[in-house]
Each structure stands twice: as structure tokens, then as C-alpha cells.
Amino acid sequence: MTSTAASLATKLEERFRDQITDCICDRGQVTLVVMSEQILSVSKALRDEPDFAFQQLSDLCGIDYLSYGQSDWATKEKTSTGFSRGREQKHTIEANDEHRFAVVYHLLSIKNNIRLRIRCYLNADTPRIDSVTPIWSGADWYEREAFDLYGILFNGHPDLRRLLTDYGFIGHPFRKDFPLEGNVEVRYDPDKKRVVYQPVSITNRVLVPRVIRDDNRYVNKNEEKPDA
């Protein structure tokens, strides 16, 4: 941890003690975990107070922590049942986990030459948080992207519409429980002479891991073979 990051972390903990749940310093990067209902007051202070002066929002994104930390295929060897377990894997994390979703903000203080990450956790039932567009206008399209891909709602956003998906798109494609094949597909209908939507016709099959095995084609021929 650099001295600059450590100093910033100390100031943040003292200033926002009642508005945060954690302040993490790792590899010279400070992450402030803010209560979602406090995002506007904390953001305004971070922008306006001279000790922080984070006047630039460089990035904002959503995160879905469903199945976070789980490994479907934590092995370097094949199993006795082949790969069927990979295709039948079921995630068991409760969908109403209070920390399923998060919004992450990356801030830059040009004056103090330091960066800060803010994380706000949101629950699965109502992933909603106040928009920071009144504080950093550059958050406009970032918040629309998070709404489009994750279904996170931003209170007070001036124009919260989808940004990347098509008109009439069903669901939010970056959610971990969104089907890999999607919900609908499009095709050209020669009778109607236009593109039409229809239920997706392909069958989803989860990819399986590749197991790397020893191959005698790559064994050094000069190596001594073990005695039979």
C-alpha cells in the first residue's frame, strides 16, 4: 500500500464513518464501500471538498455477484462420470441475496493525482440507486448501460432508456441467470416482408472444460524410459 493511498483511506474513514460499511486498501487502490442510500451525499462531498476533489468520473458499471466465488469445474483431471456434471451444474445462491448486485464508480482527482473506487451493493429484488448525473454529468450513458445490461434502476436519471440492446429486448443480458441462448431470436419473414421476433429455437448446452493430459508425442525422446 502506498503512503498516498493509506493517507486517503484514513481521511475517508474519518470523514464518512457513518455512511460507509468498509474501506479497503489493496495494491495501492482504495475502495470505499458506501451505503446505497448515501451515494449522493458522499459523492457530492468527494467532488467538492478540497481534501478529495474527485471532479472526474472515469467509469461506472454494474456487477452481478450471483454464483460469485463458485467454480463449476475446479479440477485438472477428468471425472469418473465424464463431463456431464458440467452440463448439469446448478447454481444455488439465493436470488434475494442483499448483495447480489453492485454499482461501481471510478473517480479521479486531477488536483491530488489519485484515484478512488466506490462500490454500492444492491439487493436482487429491487436493484435501485440514486443517479449521480447531477454530480458528474458523464454518468449519463454509463448508468443507461448498467440499466440495459443488469436492470439496475437509477432514480432521477434524465433519460433512463436501453443503450446497447434492441428495441423490445427481453431481459438483461449481463445478469448471471440470463440464458446463454437468449429469450427470442429474429428472422426475416418472406410473407410479411419484414423481420419478426420468435421464441429462441436453439438448445443451450453449457461449455465443458478442456482437460490437458500428458501426450507422449511431446515427451523428450532423450529422456530415459522407466524400467518395465
C-alpha atoms as a PDB file:
ATOM      1  CA  MET A   1       0.000   0.000   0.000  1.00  0.00           C
ATOM      2  CA  THR A   2       1.436   3.395  -0.958  1.00  0.00           C
ATOM      3  CA  SER A   3       1.566   6.223   1.562  1.00  0.00           C
ATOM      4  CA  THR A   4      -0.784   8.287  -0.619  1.00  0.00           C
ATOM      5  CA  ALA A   5      -3.396   5.530  -0.686  1.00  0.00           C
ATOM      6  CA  ALA A   6      -3.035   4.935   3.051  1.00  0.00           C
ATOM      7  CA  SER A   7      -3.460   8.639   3.748  1.00  0.00           C
ATOM      8  CA  LEU A   8      -6.551   8.794   1.555  1.00  0.00           C
ATOM      9  CA  ALA A   9      -8.062   5.733   3.240  1.00  0.00           C
ATOM     10  CA  THR A  10      -7.566   7.306   6.660  1.00  0.00           C
ATOM     11  CA  LYS A  11      -9.241  10.550   5.581  1.00  0.00           C
ATOM     12  CA  LEU A  12     -12.148   8.687   4.027  1.00  0.00           C
ATOM     13  CA  GLU A  13     -12.764   6.570   7.115  1.00  0.00           C
ATOM     14  CA  GLU A  14     -12.734   9.636   9.365  1.00  0.00           C
ATOM     15  CA  ARG A  15     -14.943  11.744   7.086  1.00  0.00           C
ATOM     16  CA  PHE A  16     -17.553   9.128   6.109  1.00  0.00           C
ATOM     17  CA  ARG A  17     -17.567   6.873   9.143  1.00  0.00           C
ATOM     18  CA  ASP A  18     -21.385   6.776   9.379  1.00  0.00           C
ATOM     19  CA  GLN A  19     -22.012   6.460   5.635  1.00  0.00           C
ATOM     20  CA  ILE A  20     -19.780   3.550   4.669  1.00  0.00           C
ATOM     21  CA  THR A  21     -19.519  -0.122   5.561  1.00  0.00           C
ATOM     22  CA  ASP A  22     -15.892  -0.687   4.609  1.00  0.00           C
ATOM     23  CA  CYS A  23     -12.754   0.973   3.278  1.00  0.00           C
ATOM     24  CA  ILE A  24     -10.311  -1.366   1.550  1.00  0.00           C
ATOM     25  CA  CYS A  25      -6.723  -0.672   0.545  1.00  0.00           C
ATOM     26  CA  ASP A  26      -5.152  -3.188  -1.792  1.00  0.00           C
ATOM     27  CA  ARG A  27      -2.202  -2.767  -4.177  1.00  0.00           C
ATOM     28  CA  GLY A  28      -2.301   0.990  -3.892  1.00  0.00           C
ATOM     29  CA  GLN A  29      -6.020   1.160  -4.766  1.00  0.00           C
ATOM     30  CA  VAL A  30      -8.614   2.407  -2.297  1.00  0.00           C
ATOM     31  CA  THR A  31     -12.153   1.040  -2.456  1.00  0.00           C
ATOM     32  CA  LEU A  32     -14.887   2.740  -0.453  1.00  0.00           C
ATOM     33  CA  VAL A  33     -17.986   0.617   0.180  1.00  0.00           C
ATOM     34  CA  VAL A  34     -20.813   3.126   0.528  1.00  0.00           C
ATOM     35  CA  MET A  35     -24.369   2.534   1.728  1.00  0.00           C
ATOM     36  CA  SER A  36     -26.555   2.847  -1.367  1.00  0.00           C
ATOM     37  CA  GLU A  37     -28.841   5.439   0.228  1.00  0.00           C
ATOM     38  CA  GLN A  38     -25.810   7.650   0.938  1.00  0.00           C
ATOM     39  CA  ILE A  39     -24.348   7.720  -2.569  1.00  0.00           C
ATOM     40  CA  LEU A  40     -25.422  11.298  -3.406  1.00  0.00           C
ATOM     41  CA  SER A  41     -24.189  12.901  -0.202  1.00  0.00           C
ATOM     42  CA  VAL A  42     -20.894  11.004  -0.294  1.00  0.00           C
ATOM     43  CA  SER A  43     -20.347  11.737  -3.995  1.00  0.00           C
ATOM     44  CA  LYS A  44     -21.006  15.455  -3.563  1.00  0.00           C
ATOM     45  CA  ALA A  45     -18.536  15.646  -0.683  1.00  0.00           C
ATOM     46  CA  LEU A  46     -15.913  13.714  -2.664  1.00  0.00           C
ATOM     47  CA  ARG A  47     -16.282  16.128  -5.557  1.00  0.00           C
ATOM     48  CA  ASP A  48     -16.415  19.426  -3.637  1.00  0.00           C
ATOM     49  CA  GLU A  49     -14.204  19.054  -0.554  1.00  0.00           C
ATOM     50  CA  PRO A  50     -10.550  20.080  -1.169  1.00  0.00           C
ATOM     51  CA  ASP A  51      -9.144  17.045   0.658  1.00  0.00           C
ATOM     52  CA  PHE A  52     -10.680  14.833  -2.053  1.00  0.00           C
ATOM     53  CA  ALA A  53     -11.535  16.920  -5.162  1.00  0.00           C
ATOM     54  CA  PHE A  54     -12.697  13.957  -7.246  1.00  0.00           C
ATOM     55  CA  GLN A  55     -14.098  16.066 -10.058  1.00  0.00           C
ATOM     56  CA  GLN A  56     -13.928  13.398 -12.750  1.00  0.00           C
ATOM     57  CA  LEU A  57     -15.955  10.208 -13.012  1.00  0.00           C
ATOM     58  CA  SER A  58     -13.904   7.993 -15.323  1.00  0.00           C
ATOM     59  CA  ASP A  59     -16.122   4.898 -15.240  1.00  0.00           C
ATOM     60  CA  LEU A  60     -19.305   3.417 -13.803  1.00  0.00           C
ATOM     61  CA  CYS A  61     -20.515  -0.152 -14.207  1.00  0.00           C
ATOM     62  CA  GLY A  62     -22.843  -2.760 -12.777  1.00  0.00           C
ATOM     63  CA  ILE A  63     -21.887  -6.135 -11.301  1.00  0.00           C
ATOM     64  CA  ASP A  64     -23.896  -9.305 -10.692  1.00  0.00           C
ATOM     65  CA  TYR A  65     -22.427 -11.391  -7.872  1.00  0.00           C
ATOM     66  CA  LEU A  66     -24.718 -14.366  -8.410  1.00  0.00           C
ATOM     67  CA  SER A  67     -22.529 -17.516  -8.208  1.00  0.00           C
ATOM     68  CA  TYR A  68     -19.523 -15.334  -7.314  1.00  0.00           C
ATOM     69  CA  GLY A  69     -16.647 -17.424  -5.995  1.00  0.00           C
ATOM     70  CA  GLN A  70     -18.058 -20.696  -7.266  1.00  0.00           C
ATOM     71  CA  SER A  71     -16.133 -22.877  -9.679  1.00  0.00           C
ATOM     72  CA  ASP A  72     -18.107 -25.278 -11.822  1.00  0.00           C
ATOM     73  CA  TRP A  73     -15.069 -27.293 -12.836  1.00  0.00           C
ATOM     74  CA  ALA A  74     -12.365 -26.960 -10.200  1.00  0.00           C
ATOM     75  CA  THR A  75     -10.275 -29.831 -11.483  1.00  0.00           C
ATOM     76  CA  LYS A  76      -7.333 -30.611 -13.705  1.00  0.00           C
ATOM     77  CA  GLU A  77      -8.447 -34.160 -14.303  1.00  0.00           C
ATOM     78  CA  LYS A  78     -11.486 -35.758 -15.857  1.00  0.00           C
ATOM     79  CA  THR A  79     -14.126 -37.182 -13.556  1.00  0.00           C
ATOM     80  CA  SER A  80     -15.405 -40.740 -13.450  1.00  0.00           C
ATOM     81  CA  THR A  81     -18.666 -39.551 -14.995  1.00  0.00           C
ATOM     82  CA  GLY A  82     -17.082 -37.617 -17.836  1.00  0.00           C
ATOM     83  CA  PHE A  83     -18.224 -34.040 -18.280  1.00  0.00           C
ATOM     84  CA  SER A  84     -21.935 -34.494 -17.622  1.00  0.00           C
ATOM     85  CA  ARG A  85     -21.713 -32.673 -14.322  1.00  0.00           C
ATOM     86  CA  GLY A  86     -20.656 -29.539 -16.201  1.00  0.00           C
ATOM     87  CA  ARG A  87     -23.808 -29.584 -18.297  1.00  0.00           C
ATOM     88  CA  GLU A  88     -25.984 -30.271 -15.272  1.00  0.00           C
ATOM     89  CA  GLN A  89     -24.420 -27.723 -12.938  1.00  0.00           C
ATOM     90  CA  LYS A  90     -26.973 -25.743 -10.946  1.00  0.00           C
ATOM     91  CA  HIS A  91     -26.200 -22.571  -9.023  1.00  0.00           C
ATOM     92  CA  THR A  92     -27.645 -22.478  -5.537  1.00  0.00           C
ATOM     93  CA  ILE A  93     -27.096 -18.902  -4.320  1.00  0.00           C
ATOM     94  CA  GLU A  94     -30.370 -17.346  -3.177  1.00  0.00           C
ATOM     95  CA  ALA A  95     -31.723 -14.857  -5.712  1.00  0.00           C
ATOM     96  CA  ASN A  96     -32.788 -12.444  -2.957  1.00  0.00           C
ATOM     97  CA  ASP A  97     -29.266 -12.006  -1.587  1.00  0.00           C
ATOM     98  CA  GLU A  98     -28.959  -8.424  -0.358  1.00  0.00           C
ATOM     99  CA  HIS A  99     -25.562  -8.084  -2.017  1.00  0.00           C
ATOM    100  CA  ARG A 100     -26.320  -9.694  -5.353  1.00  0.00           C
ATOM    101  CA  PHE A 101     -25.849  -6.539  -7.444  1.00  0.00           C
ATOM    102  CA  ALA A 102     -23.431  -3.649  -7.115  1.00  0.00           C
ATOM    103  CA  VAL A 103     -22.684  -0.382  -8.836  1.00  0.00           C
ATOM    104  CA  VAL A 104     -19.008   0.540  -9.038  1.00  0.00           C
ATOM    105  CA  TYR A 105     -17.711   4.076  -9.620  1.00  0.00           C
ATOM    106  CA  HIS A 106     -14.149   5.001 -10.561  1.00  0.00           C
ATOM    107  CA  LEU A 107     -13.148   8.547  -9.662  1.00  0.00           C
ATOM    108  CA  LEU A 108     -10.086  10.630 -10.492  1.00  0.00           C
ATOM    109  CA  SER A 109      -8.758  13.632  -8.608  1.00  0.00           C
ATOM    110  CA  ILE A 110      -6.574  15.581 -11.009  1.00  0.00           C
ATOM    111  CA  LYS A 111      -5.675  18.047  -8.271  1.00  0.00           C
ATOM    112  CA  ASN A 112      -4.439  15.353  -5.867  1.00  0.00           C
ATOM    113  CA  ASN A 113      -3.350  12.873  -8.552  1.00  0.00           C
ATOM    114  CA  ILE A 114      -5.136   9.897  -7.037  1.00  0.00           C
ATOM    115  CA  ARG A 115      -7.944   7.508  -7.939  1.00  0.00           C
ATOM    116  CA  LEU A 116     -10.772   6.082  -5.876  1.00  0.00           C
ATOM    117  CA  ARG A 117     -13.193   3.209  -6.373  1.00  0.00           C
ATOM    118  CA  ILE A 118     -16.677   3.319  -4.822  1.00  0.00           C
ATOM    119  CA  ARG A 119     -18.853   0.222  -4.522  1.00  0.00           C
ATOM    120  CA  CYS A 120     -22.543   0.207  -3.572  1.00  0.00           C
ATOM    121  CA  TYR A 121     -24.307  -3.108  -3.026  1.00  0.00           C
ATOM    122  CA  LEU A 122     -27.932  -3.569  -4.133  1.00  0.00           C
ATOM    123  CA  ASN A 123     -30.360  -6.401  -3.463  1.00  0.00           C
ATOM    124  CA  ALA A 124     -31.775  -8.737  -6.057  1.00  0.00           C
ATOM    125  CA  ASP A 125     -35.435  -7.775  -5.677  1.00  0.00           C
ATOM    126  CA  THR A 126     -35.077  -4.034  -6.218  1.00  0.00           C
ATOM    127  CA  PRO A 127     -31.638  -3.084  -7.609  1.00  0.00           C
ATOM    128  CA  ARG A 128     -32.172   0.668  -7.362  1.00  0.00           C
ATOM    129  CA  ILE A 129     -29.923   3.606  -6.506  1.00  0.00           C
ATOM    130  CA  ASP A 130     -29.880   7.376  -6.981  1.00  0.00           C
ATOM    131  CA  SER A 131     -28.358   8.693 -10.192  1.00  0.00           C
ATOM    132  CA  VAL A 132     -25.115  10.647  -9.835  1.00  0.00           C
ATOM    133  CA  THR A 133     -25.700  12.585 -13.075  1.00  0.00           C
ATOM    134  CA  PRO A 134     -26.390  15.796 -11.064  1.00  0.00           C
ATOM    135  CA  ILE A 135     -22.841  15.477  -9.674  1.00  0.00           C
ATOM    136  CA  TRP A 136     -20.963  14.012 -12.654  1.00  0.00           C
ATOM    137  CA  SER A 137     -22.859  14.536 -15.892  1.00  0.00           C
ATOM    138  CA  GLY A 138     -20.641  11.963 -17.586  1.00  0.00           C
ATOM    139  CA  ALA A 139     -22.503   9.238 -15.674  1.00  0.00           C
ATOM    140  CA  ASP A 140     -25.457   9.559 -18.073  1.00  0.00           C
ATOM    141  CA  TRP A 141     -24.563   6.850 -20.602  1.00  0.00           C
ATOM    142  CA  TYR A 142     -22.777   4.678 -18.038  1.00  0.00           C
ATOM    143  CA  GLU A 143     -25.962   4.439 -15.982  1.00  0.00           C
ATOM    144  CA  ARG A 144     -28.013   3.686 -19.082  1.00  0.00           C
ATOM    145  CA  GLU A 145     -25.600   0.860 -19.883  1.00  0.00           C
ATOM    146  CA  ALA A 146     -25.906  -0.583 -16.360  1.00  0.00           C
ATOM    147  CA  PHE A 147     -29.689  -0.354 -16.619  1.00  0.00           C
ATOM    148  CA  ASP A 148     -29.698  -2.063 -20.004  1.00  0.00           C
ATOM    149  CA  LEU A 149     -27.323  -4.919 -19.169  1.00  0.00           C
ATOM    150  CA  TYR A 150     -28.140  -5.520 -15.483  1.00  0.00           C
ATOM    151  CA  GLY A 151     -31.585  -3.991 -14.921  1.00  0.00           C
ATOM    152  CA  ILE A 152     -30.288  -1.579 -12.274  1.00  0.00           C
ATOM    153  CA  LEU A 153     -32.606   1.427 -11.889  1.00  0.00           C
ATOM    154  CA  PHE A 154     -31.177   4.907 -11.282  1.00  0.00           C
ATOM    155  CA  ASN A 155     -33.538   7.300  -9.523  1.00  0.00           C
ATOM    156  CA  GLY A 156     -33.539  10.771 -11.057  1.00  0.00           C
ATOM    157  CA  HIS A 157     -31.769   9.832 -14.279  1.00  0.00           C
ATOM    158  CA  PRO A 158     -32.872  12.272 -17.013  1.00  0.00           C
ATOM    159  CA  ASP A 159     -33.413   9.646 -19.735  1.00  0.00           C
ATOM    160  CA  LEU A 160     -33.138   6.061 -18.489  1.00  0.00           C
ATOM    161  CA  ARG A 161     -33.520   4.016 -21.681  1.00  0.00           C
ATOM    162  CA  ARG A 162     -31.730   0.975 -23.042  1.00  0.00           C
ATOM    163  CA  LEU A 163     -28.451   1.801 -24.708  1.00  0.00           C
ATOM    164  CA  LEU A 164     -26.974  -1.332 -26.333  1.00  0.00           C
ATOM    165  CA  THR A 165     -29.772  -3.832 -26.874  1.00  0.00           C
ATOM    166  CA  ASP A 166     -32.510  -3.694 -29.489  1.00  0.00           C
ATOM    167  CA  TYR A 167     -35.983  -2.194 -29.119  1.00  0.00           C
ATOM    168  CA  GLY A 168     -38.256  -4.629 -27.328  1.00  0.00           C
ATOM    169  CA  PHE A 169     -35.350  -6.705 -25.979  1.00  0.00           C
ATOM    170  CA  ILE A 170     -36.442  -9.034 -23.173  1.00  0.00           C
ATOM    171  CA  GLY A 171     -34.298  -9.310 -20.050  1.00  0.00           C
ATOM    172  CA  HIS A 172     -30.857  -8.028 -19.108  1.00  0.00           C
ATOM    173  CA  PRO A 173     -28.050  -9.978 -20.839  1.00  0.00           C
ATOM    174  CA  PHE A 174     -25.256  -9.467 -18.271  1.00  0.00           C
ATOM    175  CA  ARG A 175     -27.222 -10.995 -15.424  1.00  0.00           C
ATOM    176  CA  LYS A 176     -25.758 -14.348 -14.458  1.00  0.00           C
ATOM    177  CA  ASP A 177     -29.141 -16.066 -14.700  1.00  0.00           C
ATOM    178  CA  PHE A 178     -29.825 -14.768 -18.202  1.00  0.00           C
ATOM    179  CA  PRO A 179     -29.968 -17.753 -20.596  1.00  0.00           C
ATOM    180  CA  LEU A 180     -26.919 -18.028 -22.845  1.00  0.00           C
ATOM    181  CA  GLU A 181     -29.110 -18.502 -25.912  1.00  0.00           C
ATOM    182  CA  GLY A 182     -31.344 -15.553 -25.010  1.00  0.00           C
ATOM    183  CA  ASN A 183     -35.135 -15.484 -24.947  1.00  0.00           C
ATOM    184  CA  VAL A 184     -36.048 -14.566 -28.528  1.00  0.00           C
ATOM    185  CA  GLU A 185     -34.489 -14.649 -31.970  1.00  0.00           C
ATOM    186  CA  VAL A 186     -35.185 -12.735 -35.161  1.00  0.00           C
ATOM    187  CA  ARG A 187     -35.684 -13.895 -38.711  1.00  0.00           C
ATOM    188  CA  TYR A 188     -36.906 -12.419 -41.947  1.00  0.00           C
ATOM    189  CA  ASP A 189     -40.461 -13.416 -42.789  1.00  0.00           C
ATOM    190  CA  PRO A 190     -40.885 -13.507 -46.602  1.00  0.00           C
ATOM    191  CA  ASP A 191     -44.680 -13.430 -46.300  1.00  0.00           C
ATOM    192  CA  LYS A 192     -44.788 -10.397 -44.022  1.00  0.00           C
ATOM    193  CA  LYS A 193     -41.710  -8.980 -45.765  1.00  0.00           C
ATOM    194  CA  ARG A 194     -40.186  -7.823 -42.516  1.00  0.00           C
ATOM    195  CA  VAL A 195     -38.068  -9.036 -39.618  1.00  0.00           C
ATOM    196  CA  VAL A 196     -40.090 -10.823 -36.939  1.00  0.00           C
ATOM    197  CA  TYR A 197     -39.341 -11.985 -33.408  1.00  0.00           C
ATOM    198  CA  GLN A 198     -39.974 -15.547 -32.278  1.00  0.00           C
ATOM    199  CA  PRO A 199     -39.055 -17.743 -29.277  1.00  0.00           C
ATOM    200  CA  VAL A 200     -35.465 -18.894 -29.471  1.00  0.00           C
ATOM    201  CA  SER A 201     -35.138 -22.267 -31.214  1.00  0.00           C
ATOM    202  CA  ILE A 202     -31.594 -23.344 -30.302  1.00  0.00           C
ATOM    203  CA  THR A 203     -30.876 -25.562 -27.308  1.00  0.00           C
ATOM    204  CA  ASN A 204     -28.479 -24.312 -24.689  1.00  0.00           C
ATOM    205  CA  ARG A 205     -25.518 -26.537 -23.856  1.00  0.00           C
ATOM    206  CA  VAL A 206     -23.050 -25.258 -21.278  1.00  0.00           C
ATOM    207  CA  LEU A 207     -19.461 -25.460 -22.452  1.00  0.00           C
ATOM    208  CA  VAL A 208     -17.285 -28.070 -20.803  1.00  0.00           C
ATOM    209  CA  PRO A 209     -13.699 -27.632 -19.652  1.00  0.00           C
ATOM    210  CA  ARG A 210     -10.789 -28.868 -21.657  1.00  0.00           C
ATOM    211  CA  VAL A 211      -8.625 -31.312 -19.721  1.00  0.00           C
ATOM    212  CA  ILE A 212      -4.958 -31.227 -20.671  1.00  0.00           C
ATOM    213  CA  ARG A 213      -3.438 -34.677 -20.440  1.00  0.00           C
ATOM    214  CA  ASP A 214       0.111 -35.885 -20.864  1.00  0.00           C
ATOM    215  CA  ASP A 215       0.780 -36.644 -24.510  1.00  0.00           C
ATOM    216  CA  ASN A 216       3.676 -38.905 -25.442  1.00  0.00           C
ATOM    217  CA  ARG A 217       4.100 -37.007 -28.702  1.00  0.00           C
ATOM    218  CA  TYR A 218       5.680 -34.216 -26.673  1.00  0.00           C
ATOM    219  CA  VAL A 219       7.839 -36.345 -24.398  1.00  0.00           C
ATOM    220  CA  ASN A 220      11.548 -35.694 -24.815  1.00  0.00           C
ATOM    221  CA  LYS A 221      12.902 -38.660 -26.741  1.00  0.00           C
ATOM    222  CA  ASN A 222      16.206 -38.363 -24.915  1.00  0.00           C
ATOM    223  CA  GLU A 223      14.534 -39.000 -21.566  1.00  0.00           C
ATOM    224  CA  GLU A 224      15.245 -42.422 -20.154  1.00  0.00           C
ATOM    225  CA  LYS A 225      12.229 -44.694 -20.121  1.00  0.00           C
ATOM    226  CA  PRO A 226      11.430 -46.308 -16.789  1.00  0.00           C
ATOM    227  CA  ASP A 227      12.244 -49.981 -16.444  1.00  0.00           C
ATOM    228  CA  ALA A 228       9.346 -52.274 -17.342  1.00  0.00           C
END
